[in-house]
């Protein structure tokens, strides 16, 4: 939500109509997030990769980032893959200057790659996720190569 509002700020001086549209999108995201939070808090639903992918695509496109997704997650209810998807999207919108994002899905795999990588020191926010992937016998990697940042989570 906070990221959606940041994205909405960008066109305010040059395109007030686009800013208004982005603020309306942010309002819908706030409403949706409140519903989701209530569901999570009452144990009615867990995070799932499908919801996180749809949200990531919406946020990316609202920020003017071209979105491409290939493949399909076998277990859409796997919370750890959904959490990685959310963290990767947050990092993309907060730290990168991307114009293009490529998402790859396969059974037990989520990978996100963007062309707006900036030099980074360690994985900080991804470090705890890396431990969680390891605890389940999986791996999480993050790398920056030739201006592209890639984060990949694999589970057995």
N, C-alpha and C. Protein backbone atom coordinates (compact mmCIF):
# COMPACT_ATOMS: atom_id res chain seq x y z
N UNK A 1 0.83 -1.18 0.00
CA UNK A 1 0.00 0.00 0.00
C UNK A 1 0.88 1.25 0.00
N UNK A 2 1.84 1.24 0.90
CA UNK A 2 2.75 2.38 0.98
C UNK A 2 3.47 2.57 -0.35
N UNK A 3 3.85 1.44 -0.97
CA UNK A 3 4.54 1.52 -2.25
C UNK A 3 3.61 2.07 -3.33
N UNK A 4 2.35 1.66 -3.30
CA UNK A 4 1.39 2.17 -4.28
C UNK A 4 1.24 3.68 -4.16
N UNK A 5 1.25 4.17 -2.93
CA UNK A 5 1.13 5.61 -2.73
C UNK A 5 2.38 6.34 -3.21
N UNK A 6 3.55 5.73 -3.01
CA UNK A 6 4.79 6.33 -3.53
C UNK A 6 4.76 6.41 -5.04
N UNK A 7 4.27 5.32 -5.67
CA UNK A 7 4.17 5.28 -7.13
C UNK A 7 3.22 6.37 -7.60
N UNK A 8 2.15 6.62 -6.87
CA UNK A 8 1.16 7.62 -7.26
C UNK A 8 1.73 9.03 -7.23
N UNK A 9 2.70 9.26 -6.36
CA UNK A 9 3.29 10.60 -6.23
C UNK A 9 4.05 11.03 -7.48
N UNK A 10 4.64 10.09 -8.18
CA UNK A 10 5.51 10.42 -9.31
C UNK A 10 4.86 11.30 -10.37
N UNK A 11 3.63 10.99 -10.85
CA UNK A 11 3.07 11.82 -11.93
C UNK A 11 2.29 13.05 -11.47
N UNK A 12 2.23 13.34 -10.19
CA UNK A 12 1.40 14.45 -9.71
C UNK A 12 1.69 15.76 -10.45
N UNK A 13 2.96 16.22 -10.51
CA UNK A 13 3.20 17.51 -11.18
C UNK A 13 2.92 17.47 -12.68
N UNK A 14 3.24 16.38 -13.33
CA UNK A 14 3.14 16.35 -14.79
C UNK A 14 1.83 15.78 -15.31
N UNK A 15 1.15 14.94 -14.52
CA UNK A 15 -0.07 14.29 -15.01
C UNK A 15 -1.02 14.01 -13.85
N UNK A 16 -1.77 15.03 -13.44
CA UNK A 16 -2.67 14.87 -12.29
C UNK A 16 -3.70 13.75 -12.48
N UNK A 17 -4.16 13.52 -13.72
CA UNK A 17 -5.14 12.45 -13.95
C UNK A 17 -4.53 11.08 -13.69
N UNK A 18 -3.29 10.87 -14.12
CA UNK A 18 -2.62 9.59 -13.86
C UNK A 18 -2.41 9.41 -12.37
N UNK A 19 -2.06 10.48 -11.68
CA UNK A 19 -1.88 10.41 -10.23
C UNK A 19 -3.18 10.03 -9.55
N UNK A 20 -4.29 10.62 -9.98
CA UNK A 20 -5.60 10.31 -9.40
C UNK A 20 -5.94 8.84 -9.63
N UNK A 21 -5.65 8.32 -10.82
CA UNK A 21 -5.93 6.92 -11.12
C UNK A 21 -5.09 6.00 -10.23
N UNK A 22 -3.83 6.37 -10.03
CA UNK A 22 -2.96 5.55 -9.18
C UNK A 22 -3.40 5.61 -7.73
N UNK A 23 -3.88 6.76 -7.28
CA UNK A 23 -4.38 6.87 -5.91
C UNK A 23 -5.64 6.02 -5.74
N UNK A 24 -6.48 5.97 -6.76
CA UNK A 24 -7.67 5.11 -6.69
C UNK A 24 -7.26 3.64 -6.61
N UNK A 25 -6.24 3.26 -7.39
CA UNK A 25 -5.72 1.88 -7.31
C UNK A 25 -5.21 1.60 -5.90
N UNK A 26 -4.51 2.56 -5.31
CA UNK A 26 -3.98 2.39 -3.96
C UNK A 26 -5.12 2.23 -2.96
N UNK A 27 -6.19 3.00 -3.14
CA UNK A 27 -7.34 2.88 -2.25
C UNK A 27 -7.93 1.47 -2.32
N UNK A 28 -8.04 0.93 -3.52
CA UNK A 28 -8.56 -0.44 -3.68
C UNK A 28 -7.62 -1.44 -3.02
N UNK A 29 -6.31 -1.21 -3.14
CA UNK A 29 -5.35 -2.10 -2.49
C UNK A 29 -5.47 -2.04 -0.97
N UNK A 30 -5.72 -0.86 -0.43
CA UNK A 30 -5.90 -0.72 1.01
C UNK A 30 -7.12 -1.52 1.45
N UNK A 31 -8.22 -1.38 0.72
CA UNK A 31 -9.43 -2.13 1.05
C UNK A 31 -9.18 -3.63 0.98
N UNK A 32 -8.50 -4.06 -0.07
CA UNK A 32 -8.20 -5.47 -0.25
C UNK A 32 -7.27 -5.97 0.86
N UNK A 33 -6.27 -5.18 1.21
CA UNK A 33 -5.34 -5.56 2.27
C UNK A 33 -6.04 -5.69 3.61
N UNK A 34 -6.98 -4.79 3.88
CA UNK A 34 -7.73 -4.89 5.12
C UNK A 34 -8.54 -6.18 5.17
N UNK A 35 -9.18 -6.52 4.05
CA UNK A 35 -9.93 -7.79 4.00
C UNK A 35 -8.99 -8.98 4.22
N UNK A 36 -7.83 -8.94 3.53
CA UNK A 36 -6.87 -10.04 3.66
C UNK A 36 -6.32 -10.14 5.08
N UNK A 37 -6.03 -9.00 5.68
CA UNK A 37 -5.50 -8.99 7.05
C UNK A 37 -6.52 -9.58 8.02
N UNK A 38 -7.78 -9.20 7.86
CA UNK A 38 -8.82 -9.78 8.72
C UNK A 38 -8.90 -11.28 8.53
N UNK A 39 -8.81 -11.74 7.29
CA UNK A 39 -8.86 -13.18 7.02
C UNK A 39 -7.69 -13.91 7.64
N UNK A 40 -6.49 -13.33 7.52
CA UNK A 40 -5.31 -13.95 8.11
C UNK A 40 -5.40 -13.96 9.63
N UNK A 41 -5.86 -12.85 10.19
CA UNK A 41 -5.93 -12.73 11.65
C UNK A 41 -6.92 -13.71 12.25
N UNK A 42 -7.97 -14.01 11.53
CA UNK A 42 -8.97 -14.94 12.06
C UNK A 42 -8.71 -16.38 11.62
N UNK A 43 -7.61 -16.59 10.89
CA UNK A 43 -7.25 -17.93 10.46
C UNK A 43 -8.10 -18.45 9.32
N UNK A 44 -8.82 -17.56 8.65
CA UNK A 44 -9.68 -17.99 7.56
C UNK A 44 -8.89 -18.33 6.30
N UNK A 45 -7.72 -17.73 6.12
CA UNK A 45 -6.95 -17.99 4.92
C UNK A 45 -5.47 -17.75 5.16
N UNK A 46 -4.68 -18.44 4.38
CA UNK A 46 -3.23 -18.26 4.42
C UNK A 46 -2.82 -17.50 3.16
N UNK A 47 -1.60 -16.97 3.18
CA UNK A 47 -1.08 -16.32 1.98
C UNK A 47 -0.97 -17.36 0.88
N UNK A 48 -1.16 -16.92 -0.37
CA UNK A 48 -0.93 -17.85 -1.47
C UNK A 48 -0.24 -17.13 -2.62
N UNK A 49 0.46 -17.90 -3.39
CA UNK A 49 1.30 -17.35 -4.46
C UNK A 49 0.45 -16.66 -5.53
N UNK A 50 -0.73 -17.18 -5.82
CA UNK A 50 -1.60 -16.59 -6.84
C UNK A 50 -1.97 -15.15 -6.48
N UNK A 51 -2.40 -14.94 -5.24
CA UNK A 51 -2.75 -13.59 -4.80
C UNK A 51 -1.53 -12.69 -4.85
N UNK A 52 -0.39 -13.19 -4.35
CA UNK A 52 0.82 -12.36 -4.32
C UNK A 52 1.30 -12.01 -5.72
N UNK A 53 1.16 -12.94 -6.67
CA UNK A 53 1.55 -12.64 -8.06
C UNK A 53 0.64 -11.58 -8.67
N UNK A 54 -0.65 -11.71 -8.44
CA UNK A 54 -1.58 -10.72 -8.98
C UNK A 54 -1.29 -9.34 -8.40
N UNK A 55 -1.03 -9.30 -7.11
CA UNK A 55 -0.71 -8.03 -6.45
C UNK A 55 0.60 -7.46 -6.99
N UNK A 56 1.61 -8.31 -7.15
CA UNK A 56 2.91 -7.86 -7.66
C UNK A 56 2.77 -7.31 -9.07
N UNK A 57 1.99 -7.98 -9.90
CA UNK A 57 1.80 -7.50 -11.26
C UNK A 57 1.10 -6.15 -11.26
N UNK A 58 0.06 -6.02 -10.47
CA UNK A 58 -0.68 -4.76 -10.40
C UNK A 58 0.22 -3.61 -9.93
N UNK A 59 1.00 -3.84 -8.88
CA UNK A 59 1.90 -2.80 -8.38
C UNK A 59 2.97 -2.45 -9.40
N UNK A 60 3.54 -3.47 -10.05
CA UNK A 60 4.59 -3.22 -11.04
C UNK A 60 4.06 -2.42 -12.21
N UNK A 61 2.93 -2.83 -12.73
CA UNK A 61 2.35 -2.10 -13.88
C UNK A 61 1.98 -0.67 -13.49
N UNK A 62 1.48 -0.49 -12.27
CA UNK A 62 1.14 0.86 -11.81
C UNK A 62 2.38 1.74 -11.74
N UNK A 63 3.54 1.11 -11.50
CA UNK A 63 4.80 1.85 -11.44
C UNK A 63 5.43 2.01 -12.82
N UNK A 64 4.74 1.53 -13.86
CA UNK A 64 5.26 1.66 -15.22
C UNK A 64 6.29 0.61 -15.58
N UNK A 65 6.29 -0.50 -14.86
CA UNK A 65 7.26 -1.58 -15.10
C UNK A 65 6.59 -2.67 -15.93
N UNK A 66 7.24 -3.03 -17.03
CA UNK A 66 6.74 -4.10 -17.89
C UNK A 66 6.83 -5.43 -17.13
N UNK A 67 5.77 -6.23 -17.19
CA UNK A 67 5.66 -7.45 -16.40
C UNK A 67 5.54 -8.66 -17.32
N UNK A 68 6.35 -9.68 -17.06
CA UNK A 68 6.29 -10.92 -17.83
C UNK A 68 6.35 -12.08 -16.85
N UNK A 69 5.43 -13.03 -16.99
CA UNK A 69 5.38 -14.18 -16.08
C UNK A 69 5.27 -15.45 -16.91
N UNK A 70 6.15 -16.42 -16.62
CA UNK A 70 6.14 -17.69 -17.33
C UNK A 70 6.04 -18.83 -16.33
N UNK A 71 5.29 -19.84 -16.71
CA UNK A 71 5.17 -21.03 -15.88
C UNK A 71 3.99 -20.95 -14.93
N UNK A 72 3.92 -21.96 -14.08
CA UNK A 72 2.82 -22.05 -13.12
C UNK A 72 3.32 -22.73 -11.86
N UNK A 73 2.90 -22.20 -10.72
CA UNK A 73 3.27 -22.79 -9.44
C UNK A 73 2.40 -24.02 -9.20
N UNK A 74 3.01 -25.13 -8.84
CA UNK A 74 2.25 -26.36 -8.60
C UNK A 74 1.42 -26.26 -7.33
N UNK A 75 1.98 -25.70 -6.28
CA UNK A 75 1.29 -25.59 -5.00
C UNK A 75 1.06 -24.12 -4.68
N UNK A 76 -0.07 -23.62 -5.16
CA UNK A 76 -0.36 -22.19 -5.01
C UNK A 76 -0.53 -21.79 -3.56
N UNK A 77 -0.72 -22.74 -2.66
CA UNK A 77 -0.96 -22.39 -1.26
C UNK A 77 0.34 -22.35 -0.45
N UNK A 78 1.49 -22.60 -1.07
CA UNK A 78 2.74 -22.61 -0.31
C UNK A 78 3.07 -21.20 0.17
N UNK A 79 2.93 -20.99 1.47
CA UNK A 79 3.13 -19.66 2.05
C UNK A 79 4.54 -19.13 1.87
N UNK A 80 5.54 -19.98 1.96
CA UNK A 80 6.91 -19.50 1.86
C UNK A 80 7.19 -18.91 0.48
N UNK A 81 6.69 -19.55 -0.57
CA UNK A 81 6.85 -18.99 -1.92
C UNK A 81 6.08 -17.67 -2.05
N UNK A 82 4.92 -17.59 -1.43
CA UNK A 82 4.14 -16.35 -1.45
C UNK A 82 4.87 -15.24 -0.71
N UNK A 83 5.48 -15.57 0.42
CA UNK A 83 6.23 -14.57 1.18
C UNK A 83 7.42 -14.07 0.37
N UNK A 84 8.12 -14.97 -0.31
CA UNK A 84 9.24 -14.56 -1.17
C UNK A 84 8.74 -13.63 -2.27
N UNK A 85 7.63 -13.96 -2.86
CA UNK A 85 7.06 -13.14 -3.93
C UNK A 85 6.78 -11.73 -3.40
N UNK A 86 6.22 -11.64 -2.20
CA UNK A 86 5.91 -10.32 -1.62
C UNK A 86 7.19 -9.55 -1.32
N UNK A 87 8.17 -10.21 -0.72
CA UNK A 87 9.44 -9.54 -0.38
C UNK A 87 10.16 -9.07 -1.64
N UNK A 88 10.17 -9.90 -2.68
CA UNK A 88 10.84 -9.53 -3.92
C UNK A 88 10.15 -8.32 -4.57
N UNK A 89 8.84 -8.27 -4.51
CA UNK A 89 8.11 -7.13 -5.07
C UNK A 89 8.39 -5.87 -4.27
N UNK A 90 8.40 -5.99 -2.96
CA UNK A 90 8.71 -4.84 -2.11
C UNK A 90 10.09 -4.30 -2.44
N UNK A 91 11.07 -5.20 -2.55
CA UNK A 91 12.44 -4.78 -2.88
C UNK A 91 12.50 -4.13 -4.26
N UNK A 92 11.78 -4.69 -5.21
CA UNK A 92 11.75 -4.14 -6.57
C UNK A 92 11.27 -2.70 -6.55
N UNK A 93 10.15 -2.47 -5.88
CA UNK A 93 9.55 -1.13 -5.90
C UNK A 93 10.29 -0.14 -5.01
N UNK A 94 10.94 -0.65 -3.99
CA UNK A 94 11.63 0.24 -3.05
C UNK A 94 13.06 0.57 -3.48
N UNK A 95 13.78 -0.41 -4.02
CA UNK A 95 15.22 -0.25 -4.22
C UNK A 95 15.67 -0.22 -5.68
N UNK A 96 14.86 -0.68 -6.60
CA UNK A 96 15.31 -0.79 -7.99
C UNK A 96 14.76 0.36 -8.83
N UNK A 97 15.34 0.50 -10.01
CA UNK A 97 14.83 1.45 -11.00
C UNK A 97 14.47 0.66 -12.26
N UNK A 98 13.72 -0.38 -12.07
CA UNK A 98 13.42 -1.33 -13.13
C UNK A 98 12.43 -0.78 -14.15
N UNK A 99 12.59 -1.28 -15.38
CA UNK A 99 11.61 -1.03 -16.43
C UNK A 99 11.00 -2.36 -16.89
N UNK A 100 11.62 -3.46 -16.49
CA UNK A 100 11.18 -4.79 -16.94
C UNK A 100 11.38 -5.80 -15.81
N UNK A 101 10.38 -6.64 -15.61
CA UNK A 101 10.43 -7.71 -14.61
C UNK A 101 10.06 -9.03 -15.29
N UNK A 102 10.82 -10.07 -14.99
CA UNK A 102 10.53 -11.41 -15.48
C UNK A 102 10.34 -12.33 -14.28
N UNK A 103 9.20 -12.98 -14.22
CA UNK A 103 8.90 -13.93 -13.15
C UNK A 103 8.82 -15.31 -13.76
N UNK A 104 9.47 -16.27 -13.10
CA UNK A 104 9.43 -17.66 -13.55
C UNK A 104 8.88 -18.51 -12.42
N UNK A 105 7.92 -19.35 -12.75
CA UNK A 105 7.30 -20.25 -11.79
C UNK A 105 7.43 -21.69 -12.27
N UNK A 106 7.60 -22.57 -11.33
CA UNK A 106 7.61 -24.01 -11.59
C UNK A 106 7.29 -24.66 -10.25
N UNK A 107 6.99 -25.96 -10.26
CA UNK A 107 6.75 -26.62 -8.97
C UNK A 107 7.92 -26.39 -8.01
N UNK A 108 7.64 -25.80 -6.85
CA UNK A 108 8.66 -25.55 -5.84
C UNK A 108 9.64 -24.45 -6.18
N UNK A 109 9.33 -23.60 -7.16
CA UNK A 109 10.27 -22.56 -7.58
C UNK A 109 9.55 -21.24 -7.88
N UNK A 110 10.13 -20.16 -7.38
CA UNK A 110 9.73 -18.80 -7.76
C UNK A 110 11.02 -18.04 -8.01
N UNK A 111 11.08 -17.37 -9.16
CA UNK A 111 12.24 -16.56 -9.48
C UNK A 111 11.75 -15.23 -10.05
N UNK A 112 12.40 -14.16 -9.64
CA UNK A 112 12.06 -12.84 -10.16
C UNK A 112 13.34 -12.14 -10.56
N UNK A 113 13.30 -11.54 -11.73
CA UNK A 113 14.47 -10.88 -12.29
C UNK A 113 14.07 -9.50 -12.78
N UNK A 114 14.86 -8.46 -12.45
CA UNK A 114 14.53 -7.13 -12.96
C UNK A 114 15.78 -6.42 -13.44
N UNK A 115 15.57 -5.47 -14.35
CA UNK A 115 16.69 -4.79 -15.00
C UNK A 115 17.09 -3.48 -14.31
N UNK A 116 16.60 -3.25 -13.11
CA UNK A 116 16.92 -1.99 -12.44
C UNK A 116 17.78 -2.15 -11.22
N UNK A 117 18.66 -3.13 -11.27
CA UNK A 117 19.46 -3.46 -10.09
C UNK A 117 20.44 -2.34 -9.74
N UNK A 118 20.55 -2.14 -8.46
CA UNK A 118 21.57 -1.24 -7.91
C UNK A 118 22.49 -2.11 -7.07
N UNK A 119 23.73 -1.72 -6.91
CA UNK A 119 24.63 -2.52 -6.06
C UNK A 119 24.03 -2.67 -4.66
N UNK A 120 24.18 -3.86 -4.10
CA UNK A 120 23.63 -4.11 -2.78
C UNK A 120 24.64 -4.84 -1.92
N UNK A 121 24.46 -4.71 -0.62
CA UNK A 121 25.33 -5.39 0.34
C UNK A 121 24.52 -6.46 1.04
N UNK A 122 24.78 -7.71 0.70
CA UNK A 122 24.09 -8.81 1.34
C UNK A 122 22.62 -8.84 1.01
N UNK A 123 21.90 -9.72 1.68
CA UNK A 123 20.49 -9.89 1.38
C UNK A 123 19.59 -9.26 2.44
N UNK A 124 20.09 -8.76 3.51
CA UNK A 124 19.35 -8.17 4.62
C UNK A 124 17.93 -8.71 4.75
N UNK A 125 16.96 -8.08 4.08
CA UNK A 125 15.57 -8.49 4.22
C UNK A 125 15.31 -9.91 3.77
N UNK A 126 16.13 -10.41 2.86
CA UNK A 126 15.96 -11.77 2.37
C UNK A 126 16.67 -12.80 3.25
N UNK A 127 17.51 -12.34 4.17
CA UNK A 127 18.29 -13.27 5.00
C UNK A 127 17.41 -14.20 5.82
N UNK A 128 16.39 -13.68 6.47
CA UNK A 128 15.50 -14.54 7.24
C UNK A 128 14.76 -15.52 6.35
N UNK A 129 14.37 -15.08 5.17
CA UNK A 129 13.73 -15.99 4.24
C UNK A 129 14.68 -17.10 3.82
N UNK A 130 15.93 -16.77 3.63
CA UNK A 130 16.92 -17.77 3.26
C UNK A 130 16.99 -18.87 4.32
N UNK A 131 16.95 -18.46 5.59
CA UNK A 131 16.96 -19.44 6.69
C UNK A 131 15.72 -20.31 6.66
N UNK A 132 14.59 -19.72 6.34
CA UNK A 132 13.35 -20.49 6.28
C UNK A 132 13.36 -21.48 5.12
N UNK A 133 13.93 -21.07 4.00
CA UNK A 133 14.05 -21.99 2.86
C UNK A 133 14.97 -23.15 3.24
N UNK A 134 16.10 -22.83 3.88
CA UNK A 134 17.05 -23.87 4.31
C UNK A 134 16.39 -24.86 5.27
N UNK A 135 15.59 -24.34 6.20
CA UNK A 135 14.92 -25.20 7.18
C UNK A 135 13.98 -26.19 6.51
N UNK A 136 13.52 -25.87 5.32
CA UNK A 136 12.63 -26.79 4.59
C UNK A 136 13.38 -27.57 3.53
N UNK A 137 14.72 -27.50 3.56
CA UNK A 137 15.52 -28.25 2.59
C UNK A 137 15.64 -27.55 1.25
N UNK A 138 15.31 -26.27 1.21
CA UNK A 138 15.37 -25.52 -0.04
C UNK A 138 16.51 -24.53 -0.06
N UNK A 139 16.52 -23.68 -1.06
CA UNK A 139 17.55 -22.66 -1.19
C UNK A 139 16.91 -21.34 -1.61
N UNK A 140 17.58 -20.27 -1.25
CA UNK A 140 17.20 -18.94 -1.72
C UNK A 140 18.48 -18.26 -2.14
N UNK A 141 18.49 -17.72 -3.34
CA UNK A 141 19.68 -17.02 -3.82
C UNK A 141 19.29 -15.65 -4.36
N UNK A 142 20.21 -14.72 -4.25
CA UNK A 142 20.03 -13.38 -4.79
C UNK A 142 21.35 -12.95 -5.39
N UNK A 143 21.29 -12.42 -6.61
CA UNK A 143 22.52 -11.98 -7.25
C UNK A 143 22.26 -10.81 -8.19
N UNK A 144 23.29 -10.03 -8.37
CA UNK A 144 23.24 -8.88 -9.27
C UNK A 144 24.30 -9.10 -10.34
N UNK A 145 23.86 -9.18 -11.61
CA UNK A 145 24.78 -9.42 -12.71
C UNK A 145 24.41 -8.52 -13.89
N UNK A 146 25.35 -7.73 -14.36
CA UNK A 146 25.15 -6.87 -15.53
C UNK A 146 23.90 -6.02 -15.43
N UNK A 147 23.64 -5.45 -14.26
CA UNK A 147 22.50 -4.57 -14.08
C UNK A 147 21.18 -5.28 -13.83
N UNK A 148 21.19 -6.60 -13.79
CA UNK A 148 19.98 -7.39 -13.54
C UNK A 148 20.07 -7.99 -12.14
N UNK A 149 19.00 -7.87 -11.37
CA UNK A 149 18.91 -8.49 -10.05
C UNK A 149 17.98 -9.68 -10.15
N UNK A 150 18.43 -10.82 -9.63
CA UNK A 150 17.64 -12.04 -9.64
C UNK A 150 17.54 -12.61 -8.24
N UNK A 151 16.33 -12.95 -7.82
CA UNK A 151 16.13 -13.66 -6.57
C UNK A 151 15.34 -14.93 -6.92
N UNK A 152 15.83 -16.06 -6.39
CA UNK A 152 15.22 -17.34 -6.70
C UNK A 152 15.08 -18.17 -5.43
N UNK A 153 13.88 -18.67 -5.22
CA UNK A 153 13.62 -19.57 -4.11
C UNK A 153 13.21 -20.93 -4.66
N UNK A 154 13.84 -21.98 -4.11
CA UNK A 154 13.53 -23.37 -4.52
C UNK A 154 13.22 -24.20 -3.29
N UNK A 155 12.16 -24.99 -3.41
CA UNK A 155 11.78 -25.93 -2.35
C UNK A 155 11.70 -27.33 -2.94
N UNK A 156 12.04 -28.34 -2.12
CA UNK A 156 11.98 -29.71 -2.65
C UNK A 156 10.52 -30.14 -2.92
